[in-house]
Each structure stands twice: as C-alpha cells, then as structure tokens.
PDB file of all heavy atoms in Angstrom:
ATOM      1  N   SER A   1     -17.602  -6.372  -0.703  1.00  0.00           N
ATOM      2  CA  SER A   1     -16.340  -7.103  -0.264  1.00  0.00           C
ATOM      3  C   SER A   1     -15.056  -6.266  -0.804  1.00  0.00           C
ATOM      4  O   SER A   1     -15.145  -5.425  -1.696  1.00  0.00           O
ATOM      5  CB  SER A   1     -16.336  -8.516  -0.825  1.00  0.00           C
ATOM      6  OG  SER A   1     -16.126  -8.510  -2.264  1.00  0.00           O
ATOM      7  N   ARG A   2     -13.957  -6.723  -0.269  1.00  0.00           N
ATOM      8  CA  ARG A   2     -12.664  -6.157  -0.630  1.00  0.00           C
ATOM      9  C   ARG A   2     -12.331  -6.387  -2.062  1.00  0.00           C
ATOM     10  O   ARG A   2     -11.892  -5.524  -2.818  1.00  0.00           O
ATOM     11  CB  ARG A   2     -11.480  -6.600   0.251  1.00  0.00           C
ATOM     12  CG  ARG A   2     -11.513  -6.116   1.628  1.00  0.00           C
ATOM     13  CD  ARG A   2     -10.235  -6.448   2.408  1.00  0.00           C
ATOM     14  NE  ARG A   2     -10.137  -5.913   3.745  1.00  0.00           N
ATOM     15  CZ  ARG A   2      -9.127  -6.091   4.532  1.00  0.00           C
ATOM     16  NH1 ARG A   2      -8.126  -6.744   4.230  1.00  0.00           N
ATOM     17  NH2 ARG A   2      -9.178  -5.459   5.706  1.00  0.00           N
ATOM     18  N   ILE A   3     -12.661  -7.631  -2.557  1.00  0.00           N
ATOM     19  CA  ILE A   3     -12.521  -7.988  -3.924  1.00  0.00           C
ATOM     20  C   ILE A   3     -13.289  -7.216  -4.880  1.00  0.00           C
ATOM     21  O   ILE A   3     -12.899  -6.674  -5.848  1.00  0.00           O
ATOM     22  CB  ILE A   3     -12.680  -9.586  -4.098  1.00  0.00           C
ATOM     23  CG1 ILE A   3     -11.603 -10.356  -3.322  1.00  0.00           C
ATOM     24  CG2 ILE A   3     -12.622  -9.876  -5.641  1.00  0.00           C
ATOM     25  CD1 ILE A   3     -11.877 -11.833  -3.389  1.00  0.00           C
ATOM     26  N   GLY A   4     -14.551  -7.073  -4.404  1.00  0.00           N
ATOM     27  CA  GLY A   4     -15.533  -6.250  -5.300  1.00  0.00           C
ATOM     28  C   GLY A   4     -15.000  -4.851  -5.349  1.00  0.00           C
ATOM     29  O   GLY A   4     -15.162  -4.161  -6.375  1.00  0.00           O
ATOM     30  N   THR A   5     -14.606  -4.216  -4.165  1.00  0.00           N
ATOM     31  CA  THR A   5     -14.126  -2.891  -4.085  1.00  0.00           C
ATOM     32  C   THR A   5     -12.890  -2.721  -5.089  1.00  0.00           C
ATOM     33  O   THR A   5     -12.751  -1.716  -5.797  1.00  0.00           O
ATOM     34  CB  THR A   5     -13.789  -2.433  -2.682  1.00  0.00           C
ATOM     35  OG1 THR A   5     -14.909  -2.529  -1.925  1.00  0.00           O
ATOM     36  CG2 THR A   5     -13.239  -1.127  -2.665  1.00  0.00           C
ATOM     37  N   PHE A   6     -12.012  -3.689  -4.947  1.00  0.00           N
ATOM     38  CA  PHE A   6     -10.846  -3.681  -5.810  1.00  0.00           C
ATOM     39  C   PHE A   6     -11.127  -3.678  -7.316  1.00  0.00           C
ATOM     40  O   PHE A   6     -10.714  -2.937  -8.111  1.00  0.00           O
ATOM     41  CB  PHE A   6      -9.910  -4.741  -5.397  1.00  0.00           C
ATOM     42  CG  PHE A   6      -8.654  -4.947  -6.333  1.00  0.00           C
ATOM     43  CD1 PHE A   6      -7.556  -4.056  -6.255  1.00  0.00           C
ATOM     44  CD2 PHE A   6      -8.677  -5.739  -7.404  1.00  0.00           C
ATOM     45  CE1 PHE A   6      -6.418  -4.223  -6.986  1.00  0.00           C
ATOM     46  CE2 PHE A   6      -7.531  -5.948  -8.190  1.00  0.00           C
ATOM     47  CZ  PHE A   6      -6.554  -5.076  -8.038  1.00  0.00           C
ATOM     48  N   LEU A   7     -12.049  -4.627  -7.656  1.00  0.00           N
ATOM     49  CA  LEU A   7     -12.436  -4.793  -9.091  1.00  0.00           C
ATOM     50  C   LEU A   7     -13.153  -3.487  -9.611  1.00  0.00           C
ATOM     51  O   LEU A   7     -12.974  -3.071 -10.697  1.00  0.00           O
ATOM     52  CB  LEU A   7     -13.290  -6.010  -9.281  1.00  0.00           C
ATOM     53  CG  LEU A   7     -12.697  -7.292  -9.030  1.00  0.00           C
ATOM     54  CD1 LEU A   7     -13.573  -8.513  -9.225  1.00  0.00           C
ATOM     55  CD2 LEU A   7     -11.529  -7.578 -10.080  1.00  0.00           C
ATOM     56  N   ASP A   8     -13.942  -2.871  -8.754  1.00  0.00           N
ATOM     57  CA  ASP A   8     -14.679  -1.688  -9.183  1.00  0.00           C
ATOM     58  C   ASP A   8     -13.732  -0.565  -9.321  1.00  0.00           C
ATOM     59  O   ASP A   8     -13.839   0.258 -10.272  1.00  0.00           O
ATOM     60  CB  ASP A   8     -15.669  -1.303  -7.992  1.00  0.00           C
ATOM     61  CG  ASP A   8     -16.612  -0.195  -8.419  1.00  0.00           C
ATOM     62  OD1 ASP A   8     -17.303  -0.278  -9.437  1.00  0.00           O
ATOM     63  OD2 ASP A   8     -16.597   0.893  -7.698  1.00  0.00           O
ATOM     64  N   SER A   9     -12.675  -0.399  -8.519  1.00  0.00           N
ATOM     65  CA  SER A   9     -11.706   0.640  -8.632  1.00  0.00           C
ATOM     66  C   SER A   9     -10.926   0.353  -9.852  1.00  0.00           C
ATOM     67  O   SER A   9     -10.590   1.391 -10.649  1.00  0.00           O
ATOM     68  CB  SER A   9     -10.789   0.734  -7.413  1.00  0.00           C
ATOM     69  OG  SER A   9      -9.984  -0.507  -7.287  1.00  0.00           O
ATOM     70  N   ARG A  10     -10.573  -0.837 -10.287  1.00  0.00           N
ATOM     71  CA  ARG A  10      -9.787  -1.107 -11.486  1.00  0.00           C
ATOM     72  C   ARG A  10     -10.644  -0.714 -12.748  1.00  0.00           C
ATOM     73  O   ARG A  10     -10.135  -0.217 -13.628  1.00  0.00           O
ATOM     74  CB  ARG A  10      -9.427  -2.624 -11.561  1.00  0.00           C
ATOM     75  CG  ARG A  10      -8.495  -3.093 -10.444  1.00  0.00           C
ATOM     76  CD  ARG A  10      -7.250  -2.275 -10.401  1.00  0.00           C
ATOM     77  NE  ARG A  10      -7.319  -1.194  -9.395  1.00  0.00           N
ATOM     78  CZ  ARG A  10      -6.333  -0.407  -9.015  1.00  0.00           C
ATOM     79  NH1 ARG A  10      -5.186  -0.505  -9.703  1.00  0.00           N
ATOM     80  NH2 ARG A  10      -6.506   0.544  -8.080  1.00  0.00           N
ATOM     81  N   ARG A  11     -12.010  -1.082 -12.581  1.00  0.00           N
ATOM     82  CA  ARG A  11     -12.846  -0.804 -13.854  1.00  0.00           C
ATOM     83  C   ARG A  11     -12.862   0.718 -13.985  1.00  0.00           C
ATOM     84  O   ARG A  11     -12.912   1.309 -15.067  1.00  0.00           O
ATOM     85  CB  ARG A  11     -14.252  -1.291 -13.567  1.00  0.00           C
ATOM     86  CG  ARG A  11     -14.275  -2.807 -13.804  1.00  0.00           C
ATOM     87  CD  ARG A  11     -15.831  -3.192 -13.887  1.00  0.00           C
ATOM     88  NE  ARG A  11     -16.463  -3.056 -12.589  1.00  0.00           N
ATOM     89  CZ  ARG A  11     -16.542  -3.951 -11.695  1.00  0.00           C
ATOM     90  NH1 ARG A  11     -16.119  -5.179 -11.879  1.00  0.00           N
ATOM     91  NH2 ARG A  11     -17.262  -3.722 -10.578  1.00  0.00           N
ATOM     92  N   ARG A  12     -13.020   1.493 -12.930  1.00  0.00           N
ATOM     93  CA  ARG A  12     -13.124   2.999 -13.030  1.00  0.00           C
ATOM     94  C   ARG A  12     -11.695   3.491 -13.545  1.00  0.00           C
ATOM     95  O   ARG A  12     -11.842   4.462 -14.384  1.00  0.00           O
ATOM     96  CB  ARG A  12     -13.429   3.613 -11.549  1.00  0.00           C
ATOM     97  CG  ARG A  12     -14.879   3.389 -11.227  1.00  0.00           C
ATOM     98  CD  ARG A  12     -15.148   4.368 -10.041  1.00  0.00           C
ATOM     99  NE  ARG A  12     -14.192   4.398  -8.962  1.00  0.00           N
ATOM    100  CZ  ARG A  12     -14.457   3.602  -7.842  1.00  0.00           C
ATOM    101  NH1 ARG A  12     -15.362   2.740  -7.715  1.00  0.00           N
ATOM    102  NH2 ARG A  12     -13.475   3.605  -6.944  1.00  0.00           N
ATOM    103  N   ARG A  13     -10.655   2.942 -13.126  1.00  0.00           N
ATOM    104  CA  ARG A  13      -9.308   3.455 -13.645  1.00  0.00           C
ATOM    105  C   ARG A  13      -9.165   3.190 -15.117  1.00  0.00           C
ATOM    106  O   ARG A  13      -8.675   4.014 -15.722  1.00  0.00           O
ATOM    107  CB  ARG A  13      -8.228   2.687 -12.803  1.00  0.00           C
ATOM    108  CG  ARG A  13      -6.900   3.202 -13.044  1.00  0.00           C
ATOM    109  CD  ARG A  13      -5.903   2.693 -12.120  1.00  0.00           C
ATOM    110  NE  ARG A  13      -4.693   3.240 -12.218  1.00  0.00           N
ATOM    111  CZ  ARG A  13      -3.537   3.033 -11.450  1.00  0.00           C
ATOM    112  NH1 ARG A  13      -3.681   2.198 -10.455  1.00  0.00           N
ATOM    113  NH2 ARG A  13      -2.438   3.651 -11.679  1.00  0.00           N
ATOM    114  N   LEU A  14      -9.613   1.965 -15.515  1.00  0.00           N
ATOM    115  CA  LEU A  14      -9.514   1.619 -17.028  1.00  0.00           C
ATOM    116  C   LEU A  14     -10.388   2.603 -17.762  1.00  0.00           C
ATOM    117  O   LEU A  14     -10.103   2.980 -18.838  1.00  0.00           O
ATOM    118  CB  LEU A  14      -9.796   0.250 -17.180  1.00  0.00           C
ATOM    119  CG  LEU A  14      -8.703  -0.857 -16.657  1.00  0.00           C
ATOM    120  CD1 LEU A  14      -9.294  -2.265 -16.908  1.00  0.00           C
ATOM    121  CD2 LEU A  14      -7.426  -0.635 -17.399  1.00  0.00           C
ATOM    122  N   ARG A  15     -11.551   2.803 -17.317  1.00  0.00           N
ATOM    123  CA  ARG A  15     -12.594   3.680 -18.023  1.00  0.00           C
ATOM    124  C   ARG A  15     -12.095   5.023 -18.027  1.00  0.00           C
ATOM    125  O   ARG A  15     -12.183   5.722 -19.139  1.00  0.00           O
ATOM    126  CB  ARG A  15     -13.856   3.691 -17.219  1.00  0.00           C
ATOM    127  CG  ARG A  15     -15.013   4.482 -17.929  1.00  0.00           C
ATOM    128  CD  ARG A  15     -16.028   4.797 -16.810  1.00  0.00           C
ATOM    129  NE  ARG A  15     -15.587   5.533 -15.675  1.00  0.00           N
ATOM    130  CZ  ARG A  15     -16.239   5.534 -14.469  1.00  0.00           C
ATOM    131  NH1 ARG A  15     -17.306   4.679 -14.280  1.00  0.00           N
ATOM    132  NH2 ARG A  15     -15.750   6.216 -13.454  1.00  0.00           N
ATOM    133  N   ASP A  16     -11.468   5.620 -17.035  1.00  0.00           N
ATOM    134  CA  ASP A  16     -10.964   6.968 -17.083  1.00  0.00           C
ATOM    135  C   ASP A  16      -9.809   7.091 -17.935  1.00  0.00           C
ATOM    136  O   ASP A  16      -9.466   8.173 -18.538  1.00  0.00           O
ATOM    137  CB  ASP A  16     -10.596   7.407 -15.634  1.00  0.00           C
ATOM    138  CG  ASP A  16     -11.833   7.517 -14.769  1.00  0.00           C
ATOM    139  OD1 ASP A  16     -12.985   7.685 -15.187  1.00  0.00           O
ATOM    140  OD2 ASP A  16     -11.624   7.504 -13.590  1.00  0.00           O
ATOM    141  N   ALA A  17      -8.885   6.076 -18.029  1.00  0.00           N
ATOM    142  CA  ALA A  17      -7.756   6.082 -18.842  1.00  0.00           C
ATOM    143  C   ALA A  17      -7.912   5.648 -20.220  1.00  0.00           C
ATOM    144  O   ALA A  17      -7.014   5.641 -21.050  1.00  0.00           O
ATOM    145  CB  ALA A  17      -6.644   5.180 -18.159  1.00  0.00           C
ATOM    146  N   ALA A  18      -9.095   5.203 -20.701  1.00  0.00           N
ATOM    147  CA  ALA A  18      -9.280   4.775 -22.012  1.00  0.00           C
ATOM    148  C   ALA A  18      -8.980   5.717 -23.079  1.00  0.00           C
ATOM    149  O   ALA A  18      -8.241   5.343 -24.078  1.00  0.00           O
ATOM    150  CB  ALA A  18     -10.763   4.153 -22.125  1.00  0.00           C
ATOM    151  N   LEU A  19      -9.550   6.850 -22.958  1.00  0.00           N
ATOM    152  CA  LEU A  19      -9.177   7.922 -24.087  1.00  0.00           C
ATOM    153  C   LEU A  19      -7.728   8.303 -24.087  1.00  0.00           C
ATOM    154  O   LEU A  19      -7.172   8.359 -25.136  1.00  0.00           O
ATOM    155  CB  LEU A  19      -9.993   9.135 -23.809  1.00  0.00           C
ATOM    156  CG  LEU A  19      -9.883  10.248 -24.849  1.00  0.00           C
ATOM    157  CD1 LEU A  19     -10.146   9.779 -26.247  1.00  0.00           C
ATOM    158  CD2 LEU A  19     -10.709  11.502 -24.530  1.00  0.00           C
ATOM    159  N   PRO A  20      -7.090   8.544 -22.936  1.00  0.00           N
ATOM    160  CA  PRO A  20      -5.667   8.981 -23.049  1.00  0.00           C
ATOM    161  C   PRO A  20      -4.793   7.785 -23.657  1.00  0.00           C
ATOM    162  O   PRO A  20      -3.880   8.039 -24.319  1.00  0.00           O
ATOM    163  CB  PRO A  20      -5.283   9.178 -21.520  1.00  0.00           C
ATOM    164  CG  PRO A  20      -6.554   9.615 -20.938  1.00  0.00           C
ATOM    165  CD  PRO A  20      -7.582   8.838 -21.632  1.00  0.00           C
ATOM    166  N   VAL A  21      -5.108   6.508 -23.263  1.00  0.00           N
ATOM    167  CA  VAL A  21      -4.419   5.423 -23.806  1.00  0.00           C
ATOM    168  C   VAL A  21      -4.607   5.294 -25.305  1.00  0.00           C
ATOM    169  O   VAL A  21      -3.721   5.046 -26.098  1.00  0.00           O
ATOM    170  CB  VAL A  21      -4.876   4.109 -23.051  1.00  0.00           C
ATOM    171  CG1 VAL A  21      -4.311   2.869 -23.796  1.00  0.00           C
ATOM    172  CG2 VAL A  21      -4.322   4.134 -21.672  1.00  0.00           C
ATOM    173  N   LEU A  22      -5.776   5.521 -25.805  1.00  0.00           N
ATOM    174  CA  LEU A  22      -5.936   5.472 -27.223  1.00  0.00           C
ATOM    175  C   LEU A  22      -5.328   6.608 -27.907  1.00  0.00           C
ATOM    176  O   LEU A  22      -4.688   6.301 -29.010  1.00  0.00           O
ATOM    177  CB  LEU A  22      -7.534   5.632 -27.490  1.00  0.00           C
ATOM    178  CG  LEU A  22      -7.994   5.634 -28.999  1.00  0.00           C
ATOM    179  CD1 LEU A  22      -7.599   4.347 -29.586  1.00  0.00           C
ATOM    180  CD2 LEU A  22      -9.495   5.904 -29.067  1.00  0.00           C
ATOM    181  N   GLN A  23      -5.275   7.766 -27.350  1.00  0.00           N
ATOM    182  CA  GLN A  23      -4.472   8.914 -27.938  1.00  0.00           C
ATOM    183  C   GLN A  23      -3.010   8.510 -27.967  1.00  0.00           C
ATOM    184  O   GLN A  23      -2.347   8.738 -29.000  1.00  0.00           O
ATOM    185  CB  GLN A  23      -4.717  10.086 -27.107  1.00  0.00           C
ATOM    186  CG  GLN A  23      -6.122  10.747 -27.175  1.00  0.00           C
ATOM    187  CD  GLN A  23      -6.381  11.906 -26.254  1.00  0.00           C
ATOM    188  OE1 GLN A  23      -5.491  12.140 -25.385  1.00  0.00           O
ATOM    189  NE2 GLN A  23      -7.414  12.664 -26.474  1.00  0.00           N
ATOM    190  N   CYS A  24      -2.510   7.978 -26.966  1.00  0.00           N
ATOM    191  CA  CYS A  24      -1.098   7.628 -26.936  1.00  0.00           C
ATOM    192  C   CYS A  24      -0.776   6.530 -28.012  1.00  0.00           C
ATOM    193  O   CYS A  24       0.287   6.709 -28.726  1.00  0.00           O
ATOM    194  CB  CYS A  24      -0.762   7.069 -25.543  1.00  0.00           C
ATOM    195  SG  CYS A  24       1.045   6.657 -25.385  1.00  0.00           S
ATOM    196  N   ALA A  25      -1.635   5.589 -28.084  1.00  0.00           N
ATOM    197  CA  ALA A  25      -1.450   4.595 -29.074  1.00  0.00           C
ATOM    198  C   ALA A  25      -1.381   5.171 -30.640  1.00  0.00           C
ATOM    199  O   ALA A  25      -0.489   4.809 -31.416  1.00  0.00           O
ATOM    200  CB  ALA A  25      -2.370   3.433 -28.974  1.00  0.00           C
ATOM    201  N   LEU A  26      -2.363   5.822 -30.849  1.00  0.00           N
ATOM    202  CA  LEU A  26      -2.555   6.437 -32.139  1.00  0.00           C
ATOM    203  C   LEU A  26      -1.440   7.395 -32.510  1.00  0.00           C
ATOM    204  O   LEU A  26      -0.868   7.546 -33.727  1.00  0.00           O
ATOM    205  CB  LEU A  26      -3.863   7.075 -32.431  1.00  0.00           C
ATOM    206  CG  LEU A  26      -5.104   6.212 -32.320  1.00  0.00           C
ATOM    207  CD1 LEU A  26      -6.461   6.970 -32.408  1.00  0.00           C
ATOM    208  CD2 LEU A  26      -5.140   5.183 -33.447  1.00  0.00           C
ATOM    209  N   ALA A  27      -0.952   8.278 -31.454  1.00  0.00           N
ATOM    210  CA  ALA A  27       0.007   9.279 -31.709  1.00  0.00           C
ATOM    211  C   ALA A  27       1.348   8.512 -31.911  1.00  0.00           C
ATOM    212  O   ALA A  27       2.206   9.051 -32.805  1.00  0.00           O
ATOM    213  CB  ALA A  27       0.162  10.150 -30.529  1.00  0.00           C
ATOM    214  N   ALA A  28       1.650   7.427 -31.238  1.00  0.00           N
ATOM    215  CA  ALA A  28       2.860   6.662 -31.535  1.00  0.00           C
ATOM    216  C   ALA A  28       2.925   6.202 -32.930  1.00  0.00           C
ATOM    217  O   ALA A  28       4.053   6.260 -33.592  1.00  0.00           O
ATOM    218  CB  ALA A  28       2.919   5.560 -30.512  1.00  0.00           C
TER     219      ALA A  28
END
C-alpha cells in the first residue's frame, strides 16, 4: 500500500542517515 511504501522509505532514510546524524551530534 501507499502507506506501507511511505513507511518503508522513511525507515530506509533513517537507517541510511543514522551514522551521519550521530557524527554530527557528537562533533557538535
């Protein structure tokens, strides 16, 4: 479904951004 596709894309986006976000937080 569209909702499932949207949620799956959000999960992938958060997973891919997890390390850069952690690096940004620690560096700050």
